mmCIF file of all heavy atoms, coordinates in Angstrom:
data_MODEL
# 
_entry.id   MODEL 
# 
loop_
_atom_site.group_PDB 
_atom_site.id 
_atom_site.type_symbol 
_atom_site.label_atom_id 
_atom_site.label_alt_id 
_atom_site.label_comp_id 
_atom_site.label_asym_id 
_atom_site.label_entity_id 
_atom_site.label_seq_id 
_atom_site.pdbx_PDB_ins_code 
_atom_site.Cartn_x 
_atom_site.Cartn_y 
_atom_site.Cartn_z 
_atom_site.occupancy 
_atom_site.B_iso_or_equiv 
_atom_site.pdbx_formal_charge 
_atom_site.auth_seq_id 
_atom_site.auth_comp_id 
_atom_site.auth_asym_id 
_atom_site.auth_atom_id 
_atom_site.pdbx_PDB_model_num 
ATOM 1   N N   . GLU A 1 1  ? 14.759 32.260 48.318 1.00 0.00 ? 1  GLU A N   1 
ATOM 2   C CA  . GLU A 1 1  ? 14.709 30.814 48.550 1.00 0.00 ? 1  GLU A CA  1 
ATOM 3   C C   . GLU A 1 1  ? 13.631 30.148 47.708 1.00 0.00 ? 1  GLU A C   1 
ATOM 4   O O   . GLU A 1 1  ? 13.700 28.954 47.437 1.00 0.00 ? 1  GLU A O   1 
ATOM 5   C CB  . GLU A 1 1  ? 14.469 30.526 50.034 1.00 0.00 ? 1  GLU A CB  1 
ATOM 6   C CG  . GLU A 1 1  ? 15.672 30.862 50.893 1.00 0.00 ? 1  GLU A CG  1 
ATOM 7   C CD  . GLU A 1 1  ? 15.381 30.829 52.393 1.00 0.00 ? 1  GLU A CD  1 
ATOM 8   O OE1 . GLU A 1 1  ? 14.201 30.676 52.785 1.00 0.00 ? 1  GLU A OE1 1 
ATOM 9   O OE2 . GLU A 1 1  ? 16.348 30.962 53.178 1.00 0.00 ? 1  GLU A OE2 1 
ATOM 10  N N   . GLN A 1 2  ? 12.642 30.936 47.276 1.00 0.00 ? 2  GLN A N   1 
ATOM 11  C CA  . GLN A 1 2  ? 11.582 30.431 46.408 1.00 0.00 ? 2  GLN A CA  1 
ATOM 12  C C   . GLN A 1 2  ? 11.918 30.654 44.937 1.00 0.00 ? 2  GLN A C   1 
ATOM 13  O O   . GLN A 1 2  ? 11.057 30.553 44.077 1.00 0.00 ? 2  GLN A O   1 
ATOM 14  C CB  . GLN A 1 2  ? 10.255 31.117 46.750 1.00 0.00 ? 2  GLN A CB  1 
ATOM 15  C CG  . GLN A 1 2  ? 9.770  30.822 48.142 1.00 0.00 ? 2  GLN A CG  1 
ATOM 16  C CD  . GLN A 1 2  ? 8.592  31.698 48.560 1.00 0.00 ? 2  GLN A CD  1 
ATOM 17  O OE1 . GLN A 1 2  ? 8.169  32.606 47.855 1.00 0.00 ? 2  GLN A OE1 1 
ATOM 18  N NE2 . GLN A 1 2  ? 8.059  31.416 49.743 1.00 0.00 ? 2  GLN A NE2 1 
ATOM 19  N N   . SER A 1 3  ? 13.181 30.978 44.666 1.00 0.00 ? 3  SER A N   1 
ATOM 20  C CA  . SER A 1 3  ? 13.711 31.181 43.309 1.00 0.00 ? 3  SER A CA  1 
ATOM 21  C C   . SER A 1 3  ? 13.138 32.388 42.585 1.00 0.00 ? 3  SER A C   1 
ATOM 22  O O   . SER A 1 3  ? 13.123 32.435 41.357 1.00 0.00 ? 3  SER A O   1 
ATOM 23  C CB  . SER A 1 3  ? 13.520 29.921 42.458 1.00 0.00 ? 3  SER A CB  1 
ATOM 24  O OG  . SER A 1 3  ? 14.202 28.834 43.036 1.00 0.00 ? 3  SER A OG  1 
ATOM 25  N N   . VAL A 1 4  ? 12.658 33.368 43.341 1.00 0.00 ? 4  VAL A N   1 
ATOM 26  C CA  . VAL A 1 4  ? 12.236 34.629 42.720 1.00 0.00 ? 4  VAL A CA  1 
ATOM 27  C C   . VAL A 1 4  ? 13.504 35.377 42.327 1.00 0.00 ? 4  VAL A C   1 
ATOM 28  O O   . VAL A 1 4  ? 14.391 35.562 43.161 1.00 0.00 ? 4  VAL A O   1 
ATOM 29  C CB  . VAL A 1 4  ? 11.376 35.474 43.702 1.00 0.00 ? 4  VAL A CB  1 
ATOM 30  C CG1 . VAL A 1 4  ? 11.078 36.844 43.100 1.00 0.00 ? 4  VAL A CG1 1 
ATOM 31  C CG2 . VAL A 1 4  ? 10.096 34.730 44.041 1.00 0.00 ? 4  VAL A CG2 1 
ATOM 32  N N   . PRO A 1 5  ? 13.637 35.772 41.053 1.00 0.00 ? 5  PRO A N   1 
ATOM 33  C CA  . PRO A 1 5  ? 14.863 36.448 40.607 1.00 0.00 ? 5  PRO A CA  1 
ATOM 34  C C   . PRO A 1 5  ? 14.898 37.895 41.081 1.00 0.00 ? 5  PRO A C   1 
ATOM 35  O O   . PRO A 1 5  ? 14.594 38.825 40.345 1.00 0.00 ? 5  PRO A O   1 
ATOM 36  C CB  . PRO A 1 5  ? 14.780 36.351 39.081 1.00 0.00 ? 5  PRO A CB  1 
ATOM 37  C CG  . PRO A 1 5  ? 13.315 36.317 38.794 1.00 0.00 ? 5  PRO A CG  1 
ATOM 38  C CD  . PRO A 1 5  ? 12.692 35.589 39.961 1.00 0.00 ? 5  PRO A CD  1 
ATOM 39  N N   . ALA A 1 6  ? 15.270 38.079 42.346 1.00 0.00 ? 6  ALA A N   1 
ATOM 40  C CA  . ALA A 1 6  ? 15.314 39.420 42.915 1.00 0.00 ? 6  ALA A CA  1 
ATOM 41  C C   . ALA A 1 6  ? 16.520 39.514 43.840 1.00 0.00 ? 6  ALA A C   1 
ATOM 42  O O   . ALA A 1 6  ? 16.997 38.506 44.349 1.00 0.00 ? 6  ALA A O   1 
ATOM 43  C CB  . ALA A 1 6  ? 14.027 39.690 43.696 1.00 0.00 ? 6  ALA A CB  1 
ATOM 44  N N   . GLY A 1 7  ? 17.004 40.725 44.045 1.00 0.00 ? 7  GLY A N   1 
ATOM 45  C CA  . GLY A 1 7  ? 18.157 40.924 44.907 1.00 0.00 ? 7  GLY A CA  1 
ATOM 46  C C   . GLY A 1 7  ? 18.006 42.157 45.743 1.00 0.00 ? 7  GLY A C   1 
ATOM 47  O O   . GLY A 1 7  ? 17.085 42.952 45.561 1.00 0.00 ? 7  GLY A O   1 
ATOM 48  N N   . ILE A 1 8  ? 18.929 42.318 46.687 1.00 0.00 ? 8  ILE A N   1 
ATOM 49  C CA  . ILE A 1 8  ? 18.929 43.452 47.596 1.00 0.00 ? 8  ILE A CA  1 
ATOM 50  C C   . ILE A 1 8  ? 20.077 44.377 47.236 1.00 0.00 ? 8  ILE A C   1 
ATOM 51  O O   . ILE A 1 8  ? 21.187 43.918 46.971 1.00 0.00 ? 8  ILE A O   1 
ATOM 52  C CB  . ILE A 1 8  ? 19.094 42.987 49.054 1.00 0.00 ? 8  ILE A CB  1 
ATOM 53  C CG1 . ILE A 1 8  ? 17.904 42.139 49.474 1.00 0.00 ? 8  ILE A CG1 1 
ATOM 54  C CG2 . ILE A 1 8  ? 19.251 44.183 49.991 1.00 0.00 ? 8  ILE A CG2 1 
ATOM 55  C CD1 . ILE A 1 8  ? 18.045 41.540 50.863 1.00 0.00 ? 8  ILE A CD1 1 
ATOM 56  N N   . THR A 1 9  ? 19.803 45.660 47.223 1.00 0.00 ? 9  THR A N   1 
ATOM 57  C CA  . THR A 1 9  ? 20.844 46.669 47.065 1.00 0.00 ? 9  THR A CA  1 
ATOM 58  C C   . THR A 1 9  ? 20.937 47.438 48.363 1.00 0.00 ? 9  THR A C   1 
ATOM 59  O O   . THR A 1 9  ? 19.947 48.028 48.807 1.00 0.00 ? 9  THR A O   1 
ATOM 60  C CB  . THR A 1 9  ? 20.508 47.634 45.904 1.00 0.00 ? 9  THR A CB  1 
ATOM 61  O OG1 . THR A 1 9  ? 20.414 46.878 44.703 1.00 0.00 ? 9  THR A OG1 1 
ATOM 62  C CG2 . THR A 1 9  ? 21.561 48.698 45.756 1.00 0.00 ? 9  THR A CG2 1 
ATOM 63  N N   . TRP A 1 10 ? 22.104 47.397 48.994 1.00 0.00 ? 10 TRP A N   1 
ATOM 64  C CA  . TRP A 1 10 ? 22.291 48.079 50.274 1.00 0.00 ? 10 TRP A CA  1 
ATOM 65  C C   . TRP A 1 10 ? 22.881 49.466 50.113 1.00 0.00 ? 10 TRP A C   1 
ATOM 66  O O   . TRP A 1 10 ? 22.895 50.246 51.037 1.00 0.00 ? 10 TRP A O   1 
ATOM 67  C CB  . TRP A 1 10 ? 23.196 47.255 51.170 1.00 0.00 ? 10 TRP A CB  1 
ATOM 68  C CG  . TRP A 1 10 ? 22.601 45.953 51.588 1.00 0.00 ? 10 TRP A CG  1 
ATOM 69  C CD1 . TRP A 1 10 ? 22.883 44.725 51.073 1.00 0.00 ? 10 TRP A CD1 1 
ATOM 70  C CD2 . TRP A 1 10 ? 21.616 45.729 52.591 1.00 0.00 ? 10 TRP A CD2 1 
ATOM 71  N NE1 . TRP A 1 10 ? 22.136 43.757 51.678 1.00 0.00 ? 10 TRP A NE1 1 
ATOM 72  C CE2 . TRP A 1 10 ? 21.352 44.353 52.635 1.00 0.00 ? 10 TRP A CE2 1 
ATOM 73  C CE3 . TRP A 1 10 ? 20.930 46.563 53.465 1.00 0.00 ? 10 TRP A CE3 1 
ATOM 74  C CZ2 . TRP A 1 10 ? 20.438 43.783 53.510 1.00 0.00 ? 10 TRP A CZ2 1 
ATOM 75  C CZ3 . TRP A 1 10 ? 20.017 46.006 54.342 1.00 0.00 ? 10 TRP A CZ3 1 
ATOM 76  C CH2 . TRP A 1 10 ? 19.788 44.631 54.360 1.00 0.00 ? 10 TRP A CH2 1 
ATOM 77  N N   . ASN A 1 11 ? 23.441 49.782 48.965 1.00 0.00 ? 11 ASN A N   1 
ATOM 78  C CA  . ASN A 1 11 ? 24.126 51.051 48.783 1.00 0.00 ? 11 ASN A CA  1 
ATOM 79  C C   . ASN A 1 11 ? 23.473 51.835 47.673 1.00 0.00 ? 11 ASN A C   1 
ATOM 80  O O   . ASN A 1 11 ? 23.491 51.361 46.537 1.00 0.00 ? 11 ASN A O   1 
ATOM 81  C CB  . ASN A 1 11 ? 25.599 50.832 48.488 1.00 0.00 ? 11 ASN A CB  1 
ATOM 82  C CG  . ASN A 1 11 ? 26.393 52.109 48.505 1.00 0.00 ? 11 ASN A CG  1 
ATOM 83  O OD1 . ASN A 1 11 ? 25.899 53.141 48.938 1.00 0.00 ? 11 ASN A OD1 1 
ATOM 84  N ND2 . ASN A 1 11 ? 27.615 52.049 48.020 1.00 0.00 ? 11 ASN A ND2 1 
ATOM 85  N N   . PRO A 1 12 ? 22.887 52.968 47.824 1.00 0.00 ? 12 PRO A N   1 
ATOM 86  C CA  . PRO A 1 12 ? 22.777 53.637 49.094 1.00 0.00 ? 12 PRO A CA  1 
ATOM 87  C C   . PRO A 1 12 ? 21.656 53.029 49.917 1.00 0.00 ? 12 PRO A C   1 
ATOM 88  O O   . PRO A 1 12 ? 20.600 52.697 49.393 1.00 0.00 ? 12 PRO A O   1 
ATOM 89  C CB  . PRO A 1 12 ? 22.454 55.080 48.726 1.00 0.00 ? 12 PRO A CB  1 
ATOM 90  C CG  . PRO A 1 12 ? 21.731 54.964 47.423 1.00 0.00 ? 12 PRO A CG  1 
ATOM 91  C CD  . PRO A 1 12 ? 22.331 53.769 46.731 1.00 0.00 ? 12 PRO A CD  1 
ATOM 92  N N   . GLY A 1 13 ? 21.903 52.862 51.194 1.00 0.00 ? 13 GLY A N   1 
ATOM 93  C CA  . GLY A 1 13 ? 20.917 52.262 52.068 1.00 0.00 ? 13 GLY A CA  1 
ATOM 94  C C   . GLY A 1 13 ? 19.986 53.313 52.661 1.00 0.00 ? 13 GLY A C   1 
ATOM 95  O O   . GLY A 1 13 ? 20.234 54.496 52.580 1.00 0.00 ? 13 GLY A O   1 
ATOM 96  N N   . LEU A 1 14 ? 18.931 52.844 53.241 1.00 0.00 ? 14 LEU A N   1 
ATOM 97  C CA  . LEU A 1 14 ? 17.974 53.724 53.891 1.00 0.00 ? 14 LEU A CA  1 
ATOM 98  C C   . LEU A 1 14 ? 17.797 53.239 55.312 1.00 0.00 ? 14 LEU A C   1 
ATOM 99  O O   . LEU A 1 14 ? 17.538 52.061 55.545 1.00 0.00 ? 14 LEU A O   1 
ATOM 100 C CB  . LEU A 1 14 ? 16.635 53.677 53.147 1.00 0.00 ? 14 LEU A CB  1 
ATOM 101 C CG  . LEU A 1 14 ? 15.479 54.435 53.739 1.00 0.00 ? 14 LEU A CG  1 
ATOM 102 C CD1 . LEU A 1 14 ? 15.751 55.947 53.698 1.00 0.00 ? 14 LEU A CD1 1 
ATOM 103 C CD2 . LEU A 1 14 ? 14.207 54.127 52.969 1.00 0.00 ? 14 LEU A CD2 1 
ATOM 104 N N   . SER A 1 15 ? 17.964 54.111 56.255 1.00 0.00 ? 15 SER A N   1 
ATOM 105 C CA  . SER A 1 15 ? 17.757 53.763 57.657 1.00 0.00 ? 15 SER A CA  1 
ATOM 106 C C   . SER A 1 15 ? 16.430 54.341 58.096 1.00 0.00 ? 15 SER A C   1 
ATOM 107 O O   . SER A 1 15 ? 16.180 55.527 57.926 1.00 0.00 ? 15 SER A O   1 
ATOM 108 C CB  . SER A 1 15 ? 18.861 54.356 58.535 1.00 0.00 ? 15 SER A CB  1 
ATOM 109 O OG  . SER A 1 15 ? 20.105 53.866 58.148 1.00 0.00 ? 15 SER A OG  1 
ATOM 110 N N   . ASN A 1 16 ? 15.583 53.499 58.637 1.00 0.00 ? 16 ASN A N   1 
ATOM 111 C CA  . ASN A 1 16 ? 14.315 54.013 59.128 1.00 0.00 ? 16 ASN A CA  1 
ATOM 112 C C   . ASN A 1 16 ? 13.725 53.094 60.167 1.00 0.00 ? 16 ASN A C   1 
ATOM 113 O O   . ASN A 1 16 ? 14.118 51.949 60.296 1.00 0.00 ? 16 ASN A O   1 
ATOM 114 C CB  . ASN A 1 16 ? 13.329 54.241 57.989 1.00 0.00 ? 16 ASN A CB  1 
ATOM 115 C CG  . ASN A 1 16 ? 12.872 52.949 57.344 1.00 0.00 ? 16 ASN A CG  1 
ATOM 116 O OD1 . ASN A 1 16 ? 13.202 51.844 57.776 1.00 0.00 ? 16 ASN A OD1 1 
ATOM 117 N ND2 . ASN A 1 16 ? 12.101 53.058 56.297 1.00 0.00 ? 16 ASN A ND2 1 
ATOM 118 N N   . SER A 1 17 ? 12.805 53.618 60.890 1.00 0.00 ? 17 SER A N   1 
ATOM 119 C CA  . SER A 1 17 ? 11.986 52.848 61.813 1.00 0.00 ? 17 SER A CA  1 
ATOM 120 C C   . SER A 1 17 ? 10.563 53.146 61.463 1.00 0.00 ? 17 SER A C   1 
ATOM 121 O O   . SER A 1 17 ? 10.200 54.294 61.213 1.00 0.00 ? 17 SER A O   1 
ATOM 122 C CB  . SER A 1 17 ? 12.265 53.243 63.264 1.00 0.00 ? 17 SER A CB  1 
ATOM 123 O OG  . SER A 1 17 ? 13.577 52.900 63.624 1.00 0.00 ? 17 SER A OG  1 
ATOM 124 N N   . ASP A 1 18 ? 9.744  52.135 61.425 1.00 0.00 ? 18 ASP A N   1 
ATOM 125 C CA  . ASP A 1 18 ? 8.350  52.356 61.058 1.00 0.00 ? 18 ASP A CA  1 
ATOM 126 C C   . ASP A 1 18 ? 7.550  52.941 62.203 1.00 0.00 ? 18 ASP A C   1 
ATOM 127 O O   . ASP A 1 18 ? 6.653  53.738 61.988 1.00 0.00 ? 18 ASP A O   1 
ATOM 128 C CB  . ASP A 1 18 ? 7.708  51.057 60.609 1.00 0.00 ? 18 ASP A CB  1 
ATOM 129 C CG  . ASP A 1 18 ? 8.208  50.624 59.251 1.00 0.00 ? 18 ASP A CG  1 
ATOM 130 O OD1 . ASP A 1 18 ? 8.871  51.412 58.569 1.00 0.00 ? 18 ASP A OD1 1 
ATOM 131 O OD2 . ASP A 1 18 ? 7.914  49.496 58.877 1.00 0.00 ? 18 ASP A OD2 1 
ATOM 132 N N   . ALA A 1 19 ? 7.841  52.528 63.411 1.00 0.00 ? 19 ALA A N   1 
ATOM 133 C CA  . ALA A 1 19 ? 7.051  52.996 64.541 1.00 0.00 ? 19 ALA A CA  1 
ATOM 134 C C   . ALA A 1 19 ? 7.803  52.729 65.839 1.00 0.00 ? 19 ALA A C   1 
ATOM 135 O O   . ALA A 1 19 ? 8.675  51.874 65.911 1.00 0.00 ? 19 ALA A O   1 
ATOM 136 C CB  . ALA A 1 19 ? 5.715  52.274 64.577 1.00 0.00 ? 19 ALA A CB  1 
ATOM 137 N N   . TRP A 1 20 ? 7.441  53.478 66.844 1.00 0.00 ? 20 TRP A N   1 
ATOM 138 C CA  . TRP A 1 20 ? 7.917  53.239 68.199 1.00 0.00 ? 20 TRP A CA  1 
ATOM 139 C C   . TRP A 1 20 ? 6.724  52.762 68.994 1.00 0.00 ? 20 TRP A C   1 
ATOM 140 O O   . TRP A 1 20 ? 5.630  53.316 68.881 1.00 0.00 ? 20 TRP A O   1 
ATOM 141 C CB  . TRP A 1 20 ? 8.479  54.516 68.823 1.00 0.00 ? 20 TRP A CB  1 
ATOM 142 C CG  . TRP A 1 20 ? 9.764  54.965 68.213 1.00 0.00 ? 20 TRP A CG  1 
ATOM 143 C CD1 . TRP A 1 20 ? 9.930  55.877 67.221 1.00 0.00 ? 20 TRP A CD1 1 
ATOM 144 C CD2 . TRP A 1 20 ? 11.064 54.501 68.541 1.00 0.00 ? 20 TRP A CD2 1 
ATOM 145 N NE1 . TRP A 1 20 ? 11.247 56.018 66.918 1.00 0.00 ? 20 TRP A NE1 1 
ATOM 146 C CE2 . TRP A 1 20 ? 11.970 55.177 67.722 1.00 0.00 ? 20 TRP A CE2 1 
ATOM 147 C CE3 . TRP A 1 20 ? 11.558 53.588 69.457 1.00 0.00 ? 20 TRP A CE3 1 
ATOM 148 C CZ2 . TRP A 1 20 ? 13.344 54.970 67.788 1.00 0.00 ? 20 TRP A CZ2 1 
ATOM 149 C CZ3 . TRP A 1 20 ? 12.927 53.371 69.515 1.00 0.00 ? 20 TRP A CZ3 1 
ATOM 150 C CH2 . TRP A 1 20 ? 13.793 54.062 68.698 1.00 0.00 ? 20 TRP A CH2 1 
ATOM 151 N N   . GLY A 1 21 ? 6.913  51.761 69.810 1.00 0.00 ? 21 GLY A N   1 
ATOM 152 C CA  . GLY A 1 21 ? 5.827  51.266 70.632 1.00 0.00 ? 21 GLY A CA  1 
ATOM 153 C C   . GLY A 1 21 ? 6.287  50.977 72.041 1.00 0.00 ? 21 GLY A C   1 
ATOM 154 O O   . GLY A 1 21 ? 7.420  50.552 72.260 1.00 0.00 ? 21 GLY A O   1 
ATOM 155 N N   . ILE A 1 22 ? 5.435  51.238 72.981 1.00 0.00 ? 22 ILE A N   1 
ATOM 156 C CA  . ILE A 1 22 ? 5.719  50.953 74.373 1.00 0.00 ? 22 ILE A CA  1 
ATOM 157 C C   . ILE A 1 22 ? 4.570  50.090 74.873 1.00 0.00 ? 22 ILE A C   1 
ATOM 158 O O   . ILE A 1 22 ? 3.414  50.521 74.834 1.00 0.00 ? 22 ILE A O   1 
ATOM 159 C CB  . ILE A 1 22 ? 5.833  52.248 75.202 1.00 0.00 ? 22 ILE A CB  1 
ATOM 160 C CG1 . ILE A 1 22 ? 6.977  53.109 74.627 1.00 0.00 ? 22 ILE A CG1 1 
ATOM 161 C CG2 . ILE A 1 22 ? 6.058  51.934 76.681 1.00 0.00 ? 22 ILE A CG2 1 
ATOM 162 C CD1 . ILE A 1 22 ? 6.980  54.533 75.101 1.00 0.00 ? 22 ILE A CD1 1 
ATOM 163 N N   . PRO A 1 23 ? 4.864  48.859 75.289 1.00 0.00 ? 23 PRO A N   1 
ATOM 164 C CA  . PRO A 1 23 ? 3.796  47.954 75.705 1.00 0.00 ? 23 PRO A CA  1 
ATOM 165 C C   . PRO A 1 23 ? 2.988  48.516 76.889 1.00 0.00 ? 23 PRO A C   1 
ATOM 166 O O   . PRO A 1 23 ? 3.543  49.154 77.792 1.00 0.00 ? 23 PRO A O   1 
ATOM 167 C CB  . PRO A 1 23 ? 4.528  46.685 76.142 1.00 0.00 ? 23 PRO A CB  1 
ATOM 168 C CG  . PRO A 1 23 ? 5.859  46.751 75.474 1.00 0.00 ? 23 PRO A CG  1 
ATOM 169 C CD  . PRO A 1 23 ? 6.175  48.220 75.357 1.00 0.00 ? 23 PRO A CD  1 
ATOM 170 N N   . LYS A 1 24 ? 1.701  48.287 76.867 1.00 0.00 ? 24 LYS A N   1 
ATOM 171 C CA  . LYS A 1 24 ? 0.845  48.700 77.964 1.00 0.00 ? 24 LYS A CA  1 
ATOM 172 C C   . LYS A 1 24 ? 1.332  48.028 79.249 1.00 0.00 ? 24 LYS A C   1 
ATOM 173 O O   . LYS A 1 24 ? 1.643  46.839 79.261 1.00 0.00 ? 24 LYS A O   1 
ATOM 174 C CB  . LYS A 1 24 ? -0.598 48.282 77.684 1.00 0.00 ? 24 LYS A CB  1 
ATOM 175 C CG  . LYS A 1 24 ? -1.592 48.754 78.706 1.00 0.00 ? 24 LYS A CG  1 
ATOM 176 C CD  . LYS A 1 24 ? -3.009 48.391 78.303 1.00 0.00 ? 24 LYS A CD  1 
ATOM 177 C CE  . LYS A 1 24 ? -3.997 48.897 79.326 1.00 0.00 ? 24 LYS A CE  1 
ATOM 178 N NZ  . LYS A 1 24 ? -5.380 48.619 78.919 1.00 0.00 ? 24 LYS A NZ  1 
ATOM 179 N N   . GLY A 1 25 ? 1.463  48.796 80.291 1.00 0.00 ? 25 GLY A N   1 
ATOM 180 C CA  . GLY A 1 25 ? 1.921  48.257 81.568 1.00 0.00 ? 25 GLY A CA  1 
ATOM 181 C C   . GLY A 1 25 ? 3.432  48.127 81.668 1.00 0.00 ? 25 GLY A C   1 
ATOM 182 O O   . GLY A 1 25 ? 3.930  47.502 82.606 1.00 0.00 ? 25 GLY A O   1 
ATOM 183 N N   . ALA A 1 26 ? 4.171  48.707 80.725 1.00 0.00 ? 26 ALA A N   1 
ATOM 184 C CA  . ALA A 1 26 ? 5.633  48.642 80.772 1.00 0.00 ? 26 ALA A CA  1 
ATOM 185 C C   . ALA A 1 26 ? 6.146  49.193 82.095 1.00 0.00 ? 26 ALA A C   1 
ATOM 186 O O   . ALA A 1 26 ? 5.676  50.233 82.565 1.00 0.00 ? 26 ALA A O   1 
ATOM 187 C CB  . ALA A 1 26 ? 6.247  49.406 79.608 1.00 0.00 ? 26 ALA A CB  1 
ATOM 188 N N   . GLU A 1 27 ? 7.110  48.493 82.708 1.00 0.00 ? 27 GLU A N   1 
ATOM 189 C CA  . GLU A 1 27 ? 7.630  48.912 84.001 1.00 0.00 ? 27 GLU A CA  1 
ATOM 190 C C   . GLU A 1 27 ? 8.359  50.248 83.933 1.00 0.00 ? 27 GLU A C   1 
ATOM 191 O O   . GLU A 1 27 ? 8.383  51.000 84.895 1.00 0.00 ? 27 GLU A O   1 
ATOM 192 C CB  . GLU A 1 27 ? 8.568  47.846 84.557 1.00 0.00 ? 27 GLU A CB  1 
ATOM 193 C CG  . GLU A 1 27 ? 7.871  46.562 84.938 1.00 0.00 ? 27 GLU A CG  1 
ATOM 194 C CD  . GLU A 1 27 ? 8.817  45.525 85.506 1.00 0.00 ? 27 GLU A CD  1 
ATOM 195 O OE1 . GLU A 1 27 ? 9.896  45.912 86.009 1.00 0.00 ? 27 GLU A OE1 1 
ATOM 196 O OE2 . GLU A 1 27 ? 8.489  44.344 85.432 1.00 0.00 ? 27 GLU A OE2 1 
# 
């Protein structure tokens, strides 16, 4: 949107999660 000439390539994609978190006091 800021006119940076860049694009996304989804294939081959990478699936990942950076971290798992559980809030303090979670029920």
